[in-house]
Amino acid sequence: KLGVRVQQLPAKTTDGHPDIAAVLRFLGQMEITSLMIEGG
């Protein structure tokens, strides 16, 4: 409702974090050609 998009992706590890390789594939499907990680 706030305009935030939510996408559920498979977790790769027991800690429940999204599979980061799946993250890249999903972004590629969105025609995202470049990604900058500014994470912690």
Full PDB file with SEQRES, HELIX, SHEET, SSBOND, CRYST1, ORIGX, SCALE, CONECT and MASTER records, all heavy atoms in Angstrom:
SEQRES   1 A   40  LYS LEU GLY VAL ARG VAL GLN GLN LEU PRO ALA LYS THR          
SEQRES   2 A   40  THR ASP GLY HIS PRO ASP ILE ALA ALA VAL LEU ARG PHE          
SEQRES   3 A   40  LEU GLY GLN MET GLU ILE THR SER LEU MET ILE GLU GLY          
SEQRES   4 A   40  GLY                                                          
HELIX    1 AA1 ILE A   20  GLN A   29  1                                  10    
CRYST1    1.000    1.000    1.000  90.00  90.00  90.00 P 1           1          
ORIGX1      1.000000  0.000000  0.000000        0.00000                         
ORIGX2      0.000000  1.000000  0.000000        0.00000                         
ORIGX3      0.000000  0.000000  1.000000        0.00000                         
SCALE1      1.000000  0.000000  0.000000        0.00000                         
SCALE2      0.000000  1.000000  0.000000        0.00000                         
SCALE3      0.000000  0.000000  1.000000        0.00000                         
ATOM      1  N   LYS A   1       0.821  -1.210   0.000  1.00  0.00           N  
ATOM      2  CA  LYS A   1       0.000   0.000   0.000  1.00  0.00           C  
ATOM      3  C   LYS A   1       0.859   1.267   0.000  1.00  0.00           C  
ATOM      4  O   LYS A   1       0.427   2.324  -0.461  1.00  0.00           O  
ATOM      5  CB  LYS A   1      -0.945   0.002   1.200  1.00  0.00           C  
ATOM      6  CG  LYS A   1      -2.096  -0.976   1.077  1.00  0.00           C  
ATOM      7  CD  LYS A   1      -2.993  -0.929   2.297  1.00  0.00           C  
ATOM      8  CE  LYS A   1      -4.157  -1.910   2.161  1.00  0.00           C  
ATOM      9  NZ  LYS A   1      -5.028  -1.889   3.364  1.00  0.00           N  
ATOM     10  N   LEU A   2       2.087   1.150   0.530  1.00  0.00           N  
ATOM     11  CA  LEU A   2       2.995   2.287   0.570  1.00  0.00           C  
ATOM     12  C   LEU A   2       3.792   2.443  -0.728  1.00  0.00           C  
ATOM     13  O   LEU A   2       4.581   3.379  -0.865  1.00  0.00           O  
ATOM     14  CB  LEU A   2       3.967   2.135   1.746  1.00  0.00           C  
ATOM     15  CG  LEU A   2       3.369   2.286   3.146  1.00  0.00           C  
ATOM     16  CD1 LEU A   2       4.399   1.942   4.209  1.00  0.00           C  
ATOM     17  CD2 LEU A   2       2.847   3.711   3.350  1.00  0.00           C  
ATOM     18  N   GLY A   3       3.593   1.526  -1.674  1.00  0.00           N  
ATOM     19  CA  GLY A   3       4.337   1.591  -2.926  1.00  0.00           C  
ATOM     20  C   GLY A   3       5.626   0.808  -2.926  1.00  0.00           C  
ATOM     21  O   GLY A   3       6.471   0.980  -3.808  1.00  0.00           O  
ATOM     22  N   VAL A   4       5.779  -0.062  -1.918  1.00  0.00           N  
ATOM     23  CA  VAL A   4       6.957  -0.924  -1.824  1.00  0.00           C  
ATOM     24  C   VAL A   4       6.657  -2.250  -2.515  1.00  0.00           C  
ATOM     25  O   VAL A   4       5.615  -2.855  -2.279  1.00  0.00           O  
ATOM     26  CB  VAL A   4       7.345  -1.187  -0.351  1.00  0.00           C  
ATOM     27  CG1 VAL A   4       8.530  -2.157  -0.266  1.00  0.00           C  
ATOM     28  CG2 VAL A   4       7.668   0.120   0.354  1.00  0.00           C  
ATOM     29  N   ARG A   5       7.539  -2.697  -3.363  1.00  0.00           N  
ATOM     30  CA  ARG A   5       7.384  -3.983  -4.027  1.00  0.00           C  
ATOM     31  C   ARG A   5       7.973  -5.075  -3.137  1.00  0.00           C  
ATOM     32  O   ARG A   5       9.040  -4.893  -2.536  1.00  0.00           O  
ATOM     33  CB  ARG A   5       8.094  -3.979  -5.386  1.00  0.00           C  
ATOM     34  CG  ARG A   5       7.595  -2.893  -6.297  1.00  0.00           C  
ATOM     35  CD  ARG A   5       8.523  -2.621  -7.451  1.00  0.00           C  
ATOM     36  NE  ARG A   5       8.551  -3.713  -8.414  1.00  0.00           N  
ATOM     37  CZ  ARG A   5       9.211  -3.645  -9.561  1.00  0.00           C  
ATOM     38  NH1 ARG A   5       9.910  -2.555  -9.886  1.00  0.00           N  
ATOM     39  NH2 ARG A   5       9.189  -4.654 -10.398  1.00  0.00           N  
ATOM     40  N   VAL A   6       7.291  -6.190  -3.044  1.00  0.00           N  
ATOM     41  CA  VAL A   6       7.753  -7.302  -2.211  1.00  0.00           C  
ATOM     42  C   VAL A   6       7.834  -8.553  -3.067  1.00  0.00           C  
ATOM     43  O   VAL A   6       6.872  -8.909  -3.754  1.00  0.00           O  
ATOM     44  CB  VAL A   6       6.804  -7.548  -1.011  1.00  0.00           C  
ATOM     45  CG1 VAL A   6       7.298  -8.731  -0.185  1.00  0.00           C  
ATOM     46  CG2 VAL A   6       6.701  -6.291  -0.149  1.00  0.00           C  
ATOM     47  N   GLN A   7       8.995  -9.199  -3.029  1.00  0.00           N  
ATOM     48  CA  GLN A   7       9.188 -10.421  -3.796  1.00  0.00           C  
ATOM     49  C   GLN A   7       9.802 -11.486  -2.893  1.00  0.00           C  
ATOM     50  O   GLN A   7      10.824 -11.256  -2.252  1.00  0.00           O  
ATOM     51  CB  GLN A   7      10.114 -10.172  -4.992  1.00  0.00           C  
ATOM     52  CG  GLN A   7      10.444 -11.404  -5.801  1.00  0.00           C  
ATOM     53  CD  GLN A   7       9.238 -11.970  -6.538  1.00  0.00           C  
ATOM     54  OE1 GLN A   7       8.406 -11.202  -7.039  1.00  0.00           O  
ATOM     55  NE2 GLN A   7       9.131 -13.287  -6.603  1.00  0.00           N  
ATOM     56  N   GLN A   8       9.147 -12.637  -2.828  1.00  0.00           N  
ATOM     57  CA  GLN A   8       9.662 -13.731  -2.035  1.00  0.00           C  
ATOM     58  C   GLN A   8      10.561 -14.607  -2.901  1.00  0.00           C  
ATOM     59  O   GLN A   8      10.189 -15.018  -3.996  1.00  0.00           O  
ATOM     60  CB  GLN A   8       8.516 -14.569  -1.459  1.00  0.00           C  
ATOM     61  CG  GLN A   8       8.955 -15.612  -0.441  1.00  0.00           C  
ATOM     62  CD  GLN A   8       7.767 -16.217   0.291  1.00  0.00           C  
ATOM     63  OE1 GLN A   8       6.647 -15.723   0.173  1.00  0.00           O  
ATOM     64  NE2 GLN A   8       8.005 -17.276   1.045  1.00  0.00           N  
ATOM     65  N   LEU A   9      11.779 -14.862  -2.398  1.00  0.00           N  
ATOM     66  CA  LEU A   9      12.740 -15.701  -3.095  1.00  0.00           C  
ATOM     67  C   LEU A   9      13.145 -16.859  -2.189  1.00  0.00           C  
ATOM     68  O   LEU A   9      13.056 -16.760  -0.966  1.00  0.00           O  
ATOM     69  CB  LEU A   9      13.986 -14.892  -3.480  1.00  0.00           C  
ATOM     70  CG  LEU A   9      13.797 -13.785  -4.529  1.00  0.00           C  
ATOM     71  CD1 LEU A   9      15.113 -13.036  -4.734  1.00  0.00           C  
ATOM     72  CD2 LEU A   9      13.301 -14.357  -5.845  1.00  0.00           C  
ATOM     73  N   PRO A  10      13.620 -17.947  -2.756  1.00  0.00           N  
ATOM     74  CA  PRO A  10      14.012 -19.091  -1.926  1.00  0.00           C  
ATOM     75  C   PRO A  10      15.204 -18.756  -1.039  1.00  0.00           C  
ATOM     76  O   PRO A  10      16.092 -17.987  -1.422  1.00  0.00           O  
ATOM     77  CB  PRO A  10      14.371 -20.160  -2.956  1.00  0.00           C  
ATOM     78  CG  PRO A  10      14.704 -19.402  -4.207  1.00  0.00           C  
ATOM     79  CD  PRO A  10      13.802 -18.217  -4.201  1.00  0.00           C  
ATOM     80  N   ALA A  11      15.194 -19.349   0.151  1.00  0.00           N  
ATOM     81  CA  ALA A  11      16.317 -19.197   1.071  1.00  0.00           C  
ATOM     82  C   ALA A  11      17.330 -20.295   0.786  1.00  0.00           C  
ATOM     83  O   ALA A  11      16.966 -21.446   0.560  1.00  0.00           O  
ATOM     84  CB  ALA A  11      15.827 -19.274   2.517  1.00  0.00           C  
ATOM     85  N   LYS A  12      18.600 -19.929   0.811  1.00  0.00           N  
ATOM     86  CA  LYS A  12      19.633 -20.910   0.516  1.00  0.00           C  
ATOM     87  C   LYS A  12      20.175 -21.553   1.772  1.00  0.00           C  
ATOM     88  O   LYS A  12      20.595 -22.704   1.776  1.00  0.00           O  
ATOM     89  CB  LYS A  12      20.775 -20.247  -0.255  1.00  0.00           C  
ATOM     90  CG  LYS A  12      21.849 -21.212  -0.713  1.00  0.00           C  
ATOM     91  CD  LYS A  12      22.901 -20.530  -1.561  1.00  0.00           C  
ATOM     92  CE  LYS A  12      23.945 -21.530  -2.037  1.00  0.00           C  
ATOM     93  NZ  LYS A  12      24.992 -20.875  -2.864  1.00  0.00           N  
ATOM     94  N   THR A  13      20.164 -20.804   2.877  1.00  0.00           N  
ATOM     95  CA  THR A  13      20.773 -21.287   4.108  1.00  0.00           C  
ATOM     96  C   THR A  13      19.733 -21.422   5.214  1.00  0.00           C  
ATOM     97  O   THR A  13      18.617 -20.915   5.116  1.00  0.00           O  
ATOM     98  CB  THR A  13      21.875 -20.324   4.570  1.00  0.00           C  
ATOM     99  OG1 THR A  13      21.300 -19.032   4.780  1.00  0.00           O  
ATOM    100  CG2 THR A  13      22.971 -20.221   3.513  1.00  0.00           C  
ATOM    101  N   THR A  14      20.135 -22.090   6.284  1.00  0.00           N  
ATOM    102  CA  THR A  14      19.223 -22.313   7.408  1.00  0.00           C  
ATOM    103  C   THR A  14      18.876 -21.021   8.136  1.00  0.00           C  
ATOM    104  O   THR A  14      17.881 -20.967   8.861  1.00  0.00           O  
ATOM    105  CB  THR A  14      19.848 -23.304   8.408  1.00  0.00           C  
ATOM    106  OG1 THR A  14      21.148 -22.805   8.801  1.00  0.00           O  
ATOM    107  CG2 THR A  14      20.005 -24.674   7.769  1.00  0.00           C  
ATOM    108  N   ASP A  15      19.689 -19.960   7.944  1.00  0.00           N  
ATOM    109  CA  ASP A  15      19.370 -18.697   8.613  1.00  0.00           C  
ATOM    110  C   ASP A  15      18.258 -17.938   7.914  1.00  0.00           C  
ATOM    111  O   ASP A  15      17.819 -16.888   8.373  1.00  0.00           O  
ATOM    112  CB  ASP A  15      20.616 -17.808   8.731  1.00  0.00           C  
ATOM    113  CG  ASP A  15      21.257 -17.509   7.380  1.00  0.00           C  
ATOM    114  OD1 ASP A  15      20.604 -17.725   6.345  1.00  0.00           O  
ATOM    115  OD2 ASP A  15      22.416 -17.063   7.370  1.00  0.00           O  
ATOM    116  N   GLY A  16      17.804 -18.466   6.767  1.00  0.00           N  
ATOM    117  CA  GLY A  16      16.666 -17.880   6.088  1.00  0.00           C  
ATOM    118  C   GLY A  16      16.980 -16.736   5.157  1.00  0.00           C  
ATOM    119  O   GLY A  16      16.070 -16.158   4.568  1.00  0.00           O  
ATOM    120  N   HIS A  17      18.251 -16.381   4.990  1.00  0.00           N  
ATOM    121  CA  HIS A  17      18.598 -15.292   4.082  1.00  0.00           C  
ATOM    122  C   HIS A  17      18.312 -15.690   2.640  1.00  0.00           C  
ATOM    123  O   HIS A  17      18.553 -16.835   2.242  1.00  0.00           O  
ATOM    124  CB  HIS A  17      20.082 -14.925   4.233  1.00  0.00           C  
ATOM    125  CG  HIS A  17      20.407 -14.315   5.549  1.00  0.00           C  
ATOM    126  ND1 HIS A  17      21.685 -14.266   6.064  1.00  0.00           N  
ATOM    127  CD2 HIS A  17      19.614 -13.726   6.479  1.00  0.00           C  
ATOM    128  CE1 HIS A  17      21.663 -13.672   7.244  1.00  0.00           C  
ATOM    129  NE2 HIS A  17      20.421 -13.342   7.523  1.00  0.00           N  
ATOM    130  N   PRO A  18      17.797 -14.765   1.825  1.00  0.00           N  
ATOM    131  CA  PRO A  18      17.531 -15.096   0.423  1.00  0.00           C  
ATOM    132  C   PRO A  18      18.801 -15.541  -0.302  1.00  0.00           C  
ATOM    133  O   PRO A  18      19.898 -15.043  -0.024  1.00  0.00           O  
ATOM    134  CB  PRO A  18      17.009 -13.769  -0.151  1.00  0.00           C  
ATOM    135  CG  PRO A  18      16.492 -13.008   1.031  1.00  0.00           C  
ATOM    136  CD  PRO A  18      17.383 -13.395   2.169  1.00  0.00           C  
ATOM    137  N   ASP A  19      18.652 -16.469  -1.201  1.00  0.00           N  
ATOM    138  CA  ASP A  19      19.755 -16.950  -2.025  1.00  0.00           C  
ATOM    139  C   ASP A  19      20.234 -15.780  -2.892  1.00  0.00           C  
ATOM    140  O   ASP A  19      19.503 -15.292  -3.749  1.00  0.00           O  
ATOM    141  CB  ASP A  19      19.266 -18.107  -2.884  1.00  0.00           C  
ATOM    142  CG  ASP A  19      20.356 -18.677  -3.778  1.00  0.00           C  
ATOM    143  OD1 ASP A  19      21.445 -18.079  -3.848  1.00  0.00           O  
ATOM    144  OD2 ASP A  19      20.112 -19.712  -4.409  1.00  0.00           O  
ATOM    145  N   ILE A  20      21.470 -15.330  -2.668  1.00  0.00           N  
ATOM    146  CA  ILE A  20      21.936 -14.123  -3.339  1.00  0.00           C  
ATOM    147  C   ILE A  20      22.125 -14.338  -4.833  1.00  0.00           C  
ATOM    148  O   ILE A  20      21.999 -13.409  -5.632  1.00  0.00           O  
ATOM    149  CB  ILE A  20      23.222 -13.588  -2.673  1.00  0.00           C  
ATOM    150  CG1 ILE A  20      23.387 -12.090  -2.975  1.00  0.00           C  
ATOM    151  CG2 ILE A  20      24.444 -14.398  -3.062  1.00  0.00           C  
ATOM    152  CD1 ILE A  20      24.241 -11.352  -1.993  1.00  0.00           C  
ATOM    153  N   ALA A  21      22.389 -15.586  -5.237  1.00  0.00           N  
ATOM    154  CA  ALA A  21      22.460 -15.884  -6.664  1.00  0.00           C  
ATOM    155  C   ALA A  21      21.072 -15.757  -7.297  1.00  0.00           C  
ATOM    156  O   ALA A  21      20.925 -15.259  -8.418  1.00  0.00           O  
ATOM    157  CB  ALA A  21      23.025 -17.272  -6.903  1.00  0.00           C  
ATOM    158  N   ALA A  22      20.049 -16.173  -6.556  1.00  0.00           N  
ATOM    159  CA  ALA A  22      18.668 -16.014  -7.038  1.00  0.00           C  
ATOM    160  C   ALA A  22      18.293 -14.542  -7.118  1.00  0.00           C  
ATOM    161  O   ALA A  22      17.534 -14.128  -8.004  1.00  0.00           O  
ATOM    162  CB  ALA A  22      17.704 -16.764  -6.121  1.00  0.00           C  
ATOM    163  N   VAL A  23      18.834 -13.737  -6.191  1.00  0.00           N  
ATOM    164  CA  VAL A  23      18.599 -12.293  -6.229  1.00  0.00           C  
ATOM    165  C   VAL A  23      19.108 -11.710  -7.539  1.00  0.00           C  
ATOM    166  O   VAL A  23      18.414 -10.936  -8.211  1.00  0.00           O  
ATOM    167  CB  VAL A  23      19.290 -11.606  -5.028  1.00  0.00           C  
ATOM    168  CG1 VAL A  23      19.298 -10.083  -5.216  1.00  0.00           C  
ATOM    169  CG2 VAL A  23      18.599 -11.979  -3.723  1.00  0.00           C  
ATOM    170  N   LEU A  24      20.324 -12.090  -7.934  1.00  0.00           N  
ATOM    171  CA  LEU A  24      20.892 -11.578  -9.190  1.00  0.00           C  
ATOM    172  C   LEU A  24      20.073 -12.018 -10.390  1.00  0.00           C  
ATOM    173  O   LEU A  24      19.836 -11.226 -11.309  1.00  0.00           O  
ATOM    174  CB  LEU A  24      22.332 -12.055  -9.352  1.00  0.00           C  
ATOM    175  CG  LEU A  24      23.398 -11.428  -8.450  1.00  0.00           C  
ATOM    176  CD1 LEU A  24      24.780 -11.736  -9.010  1.00  0.00           C  
ATOM    177  CD2 LEU A  24      23.213  -9.939  -8.296  1.00  0.00           C  
ATOM    178  N   ARG A  25      19.648 -13.266 -10.389  1.00  0.00           N  
ATOM    179  CA  ARG A  25      18.845 -13.753 -11.524  1.00  0.00           C  
ATOM    180  C   ARG A  25      17.533 -12.984 -11.622  1.00  0.00           C  
ATOM    181  O   ARG A  25      17.092 -12.631 -12.723  1.00  0.00           O  
ATOM    182  CB  ARG A  25      18.593 -15.256 -11.377  1.00  0.00           C  
ATOM    183  CG  ARG A  25      19.830 -16.116 -11.574  1.00  0.00           C  
ATOM    184  CD  ARG A  25      19.459 -17.577 -11.736  1.00  0.00           C  
ATOM    185  NE  ARG A  25      18.822 -18.130 -10.549  1.00  0.00           N  
ATOM    186  CZ  ARG A  25      19.471 -18.703  -9.545  1.00  0.00           C  
ATOM    187  NH1 ARG A  25      20.811 -18.784  -9.577  1.00  0.00           N  
ATOM    188  NH2 ARG A  25      18.828 -19.199  -8.514  1.00  0.00           N  
ATOM    189  N   PHE A  26      16.909 -12.720 -10.482  1.00  0.00           N  
ATOM    190  CA  PHE A  26      15.645 -11.982 -10.488  1.00  0.00           C  
ATOM    191  C   PHE A  26      15.852 -10.556 -10.998  1.00  0.00           C  
ATOM    192  O   PHE A  26      15.065 -10.046 -11.805  1.00  0.00           O  
ATOM    193  CB  PHE A  26      15.044 -11.957  -9.080  1.00  0.00           C  
ATOM    194  CG  PHE A  26      13.739 -11.225  -8.997  1.00  0.00           C  
ATOM    195  CD1 PHE A  26      12.570 -11.801  -9.489  1.00  0.00           C  
ATOM    196  CD2 PHE A  26      13.669  -9.956  -8.445  1.00  0.00           C  
ATOM    197  CE1 PHE A  26      11.357 -11.117  -9.435  1.00  0.00           C  
ATOM    198  CE2 PHE A  26      12.473  -9.270  -8.378  1.00  0.00           C  
ATOM    199  CZ  PHE A  26      11.315  -9.855  -8.872  1.00  0.00           C  
ATOM    200  N   LEU A  27      16.924  -9.908 -10.547  1.00  0.00           N  
ATOM    201  CA  LEU A  27      17.204  -8.547 -11.011  1.00  0.00           C  
ATOM    202  C   LEU A  27      17.520  -8.537 -12.504  1.00  0.00           C  
ATOM    203  O   LEU A  27      17.145  -7.611 -13.219  1.00  0.00           O  
ATOM    204  CB  LEU A  27      18.363  -7.948 -10.218  1.00  0.00           C  
ATOM    205  CG  LEU A  27      18.081  -7.681  -8.737  1.00  0.00           C  
ATOM    206  CD1 LEU A  27      19.333  -7.164  -8.043  1.00  0.00           C  
ATOM    207  CD2 LEU A  27      16.942  -6.680  -8.559  1.00  0.00           C  
ATOM    208  N   GLY A  28      18.199  -9.579 -12.969  1.00  0.00           N  
ATOM    209  CA  GLY A  28      18.464  -9.686 -14.397  1.00  0.00           C  
ATOM    210  C   GLY A  28      17.183  -9.777 -15.202  1.00  0.00           C  
ATOM    211  O   GLY A  28      17.073  -9.190 -16.289  1.00  0.00           O  
ATOM    212  N   GLN A  29      16.200 -10.486 -14.686  1.00  0.00           N  
ATOM    213  CA  GLN A  29      14.907 -10.587 -15.358  1.00  0.00           C  
ATOM    214  C   GLN A  29      14.208  -9.231 -15.428  1.00  0.00           C  
ATOM    215  O   GLN A  29      13.386  -8.987 -16.313  1.00  0.00           O  
ATOM    216  CB  GLN A  29      14.025 -11.601 -14.634  1.00  0.00           C  
ATOM    217  CG  GLN A  29      14.511 -13.036 -14.757  1.00  0.00           C  
ATOM    218  CD  GLN A  29      13.790 -13.982 -13.800  1.00  0.00           C  
ATOM    219  OE1 GLN A  29      12.811 -13.605 -13.152  1.00  0.00           O  
ATOM    220  NE2 GLN A  29      14.266 -15.207 -13.713  1.00  0.00           N  
ATOM    221  N   MET A  30      14.560  -8.343 -14.513  1.00  0.00           N  
ATOM    222  CA  MET A  30      14.004  -6.986 -14.511  1.00  0.00           C  
ATOM    223  C   MET A  30      14.809  -6.042 -15.405  1.00  0.00           C  
ATOM    224  O   MET A  30      14.570  -4.845 -15.401  1.00  0.00           O  
ATOM    225  CB  MET A  30      13.976  -6.437 -13.079  1.00  0.00           C  
ATOM    226  CG  MET A  30      13.082  -7.187 -12.118  1.00  0.00           C  
ATOM    227  SD  MET A  30      13.196  -6.498 -10.437  1.00  0.00           S  
ATOM    228  CE  MET A  30      12.523  -4.845 -10.682  1.00  0.00           C  
ATOM    229  N   GLU A  31      15.773  -6.566 -16.130  1.00  0.00           N  
ATOM    230  CA  GLU A  31      16.675  -5.793 -16.987  1.00  0.00           C  
ATOM    231  C   GLU A  31      17.520  -4.810 -16.183  1.00  0.00           C  
ATOM    232  O   GLU A  31      17.845  -3.715 -16.638  1.00  0.00           O  
ATOM    233  CB  GLU A  31      15.917  -5.059 -18.100  1.00  0.00           C  
ATOM    234  CG  GLU A  31      15.248  -6.003 -19.097  1.00  0.00           C  
ATOM    235  CD  GLU A  31      14.690  -5.277 -20.306  1.00  0.00           C  
ATOM    236  OE1 GLU A  31      14.226  -4.124 -20.161  1.00  0.00           O  
ATOM    237  OE2 GLU A  31      14.726  -5.863 -21.402  1.00  0.00           O  
ATOM    238  N   ILE A  32      17.911  -5.231 -14.991  1.00  0.00           N  
ATOM    239  CA  ILE A  32      18.863  -4.475 -14.185  1.00  0.00           C  
ATOM    240  C   ILE A  32      20.259  -4.929 -14.613  1.00  0.00           C  
ATOM    241  O   ILE A  32      20.622  -6.088 -14.428  1.00  0.00           O  
ATOM    242  CB  ILE A  32      18.648  -4.735 -12.680  1.00  0.00           C  
ATOM    243  CG1 ILE A  32      17.262  -4.255 -12.241  1.00  0.00           C  
ATOM    244  CG2 ILE A  32      19.747  -4.069 -11.855  1.00  0.00           C  
ATOM    245  CD1 ILE A  32      17.026  -2.776 -12.402  1.00  0.00           C  
ATOM    246  N   THR A  33      21.030  -4.011 -15.194  1.00  0.00           N  
ATOM    247  CA  THR A  33      22.346  -4.381 -15.721  1.00  0.00           C  
ATOM    248  C   THR A  33      23.483  -4.114 -14.740  1.00  0.00           C  
ATOM    249  O   THR A  33      24.586  -4.623 -14.922  1.00  0.00           O  
ATOM    250  CB  THR A  33      22.644  -3.612 -17.024  1.00  0.00           C  
ATOM    251  OG1 THR A  33      22.810  -2.227 -16.723  1.00  0.00           O  
ATOM    252  CG2 THR A  33      21.522  -3.796 -18.041  1.00  0.00           C  
ATOM    253  N   SER A  34      23.225  -3.303 -13.714  1.00  0.00           N  
ATOM    254  CA  SER A  34      24.286  -2.955 -12.765  1.00  0.00           C  
ATOM    255  C   SER A  34      23.694  -2.795 -11.370  1.00  0.00           C  
ATOM    256  O   SER A  34      22.642  -2.187 -11.190  1.00  0.00           O  
ATOM    257  CB  SER A  34      24.989  -1.672 -13.193  1.00  0.00           C  
ATOM    258  OG  SER A  34      24.056  -0.635 -13.435  1.00  0.00           O  
ATOM    259  N   LEU A  35      24.401  -3.348 -10.401  1.00  0.00           N  
ATOM    260  CA  LEU A  35      23.945  -3.332  -9.012  1.00  0.00           C  
ATOM    261  C   LEU A  35      25.100  -2.914  -8.120  1.00  0.00           C  
ATOM    262  O   LEU A  35      26.188  -3.481  -8.205  1.00  0.00           O  
ATOM    263  CB  LEU A  35      23.460  -4.726  -8.607  1.00  0.00           C  
ATOM    264  CG  LEU A  35      23.152  -4.943  -7.121  1.00  0.00           C  
ATOM    265  CD1 LEU A  35      21.896  -4.182  -6.717  1.00  0.00           C  
ATOM    266  CD2 LEU A  35      22.994  -6.434  -6.810  1.00  0.00           C  
ATOM    267  N   MET A  36      24.862  -1.919  -7.263  1.00  0.00           N  
ATOM    268  CA  MET A  36      25.866  -1.525  -6.279  1.00  0.00           C  
ATOM    269  C   MET A  36      25.406  -1.954  -4.897  1.00  0.00           C  
ATOM    270  O   MET A  36      24.305  -1.601  -4.460  1.00  0.00           O  
ATOM    271  CB  MET A  36      26.126  -0.024  -6.312  1.00  0.00           C  
ATOM    272  CG  MET A  36      27.261   0.388  -5.389  1.00  0.00           C  
ATOM    273  SD  MET A  36      27.960   2.008  -5.761  1.00  0.00           S  
ATOM    274  CE  MET A  36      26.643   3.072  -5.185  1.00  0.00           C  
ATOM    275  N   ILE A  37      26.234  -2.727  -4.245  1.00  0.00           N  
ATOM    276  CA  ILE A  37      25.939  -3.169  -2.879  1.00  0.00           C  
ATOM    277  C   ILE A  37      26.533  -2.170  -1.902  1.00  0.00           C  
ATOM    278  O   ILE A  37      27.729  -1.914  -1.907  1.00  0.00           O  
ATOM    279  CB  ILE A  37      26.508  -4.577  -2.621  1.00  0.00           C  
ATOM    280  CG1 ILE A  37      25.817  -5.605  -3.530  1.00  0.00           C  
ATOM    281  CG2 ILE A  37      26.339  -4.960  -1.151  1.00  0.00           C  
ATOM    282  CD1 ILE A  37      26.372  -7.016  -3.397  1.00  0.00           C  
ATOM    283  N   GLU A  38      25.677  -1.572  -1.090  1.00  0.00           N  
ATOM    284  CA  GLU A  38      26.115  -0.650  -0.042  1.00  0.00           C  
ATOM    285  C   GLU A  38      25.705  -1.194   1.316  1.00  0.00           C  
ATOM    286  O   GLU A  38      25.405  -0.437   2.238  1.00  0.00           O  
ATOM    287  CB  GLU A  38      25.509   0.743  -0.262  1.00  0.00           C  
ATOM    288  CG  GLU A  38      26.136   1.541  -1.385  1.00  0.00           C  
ATOM    289  CD  GLU A  38      25.806   3.020  -1.303  1.00  0.00           C  
ATOM    290  OE1 GLU A  38      25.778   3.576  -0.184  1.00  0.00           O  
ATOM    291  OE2 GLU A  38      25.573   3.625  -2.357  1.00  0.00           O  
ATOM    292  N   GLY A  39      25.674  -2.496   1.433  1.00  0.00           N  
ATOM    293  CA  GLY A  39      25.161  -3.132   2.634  1.00  0.00           C  
ATOM    294  C   GLY A  39      26.127  -3.076   3.802  1.00  0.00           C  
ATOM    295  O   GLY A  39      27.244  -2.562   3.685  1.00  0.00           O  
ATOM    296  N   GLY A  40      25.690  -3.636   4.902  1.00  0.00           N  
ATOM    297  CA  GLY A  40      26.532  -3.729   6.072  1.00  0.00           C  
ATOM    298  C   GLY A  40      27.471  -4.915   5.990  1.00  0.00           C  
ATOM    299  O   GLY A  40      27.609  -5.567   4.950  1.00  0.00           O  
TER     300      GLY A  40                                                      
MASTER        0    0    0    1    0    0    0    6  299    1    0    4          
END                                                                             
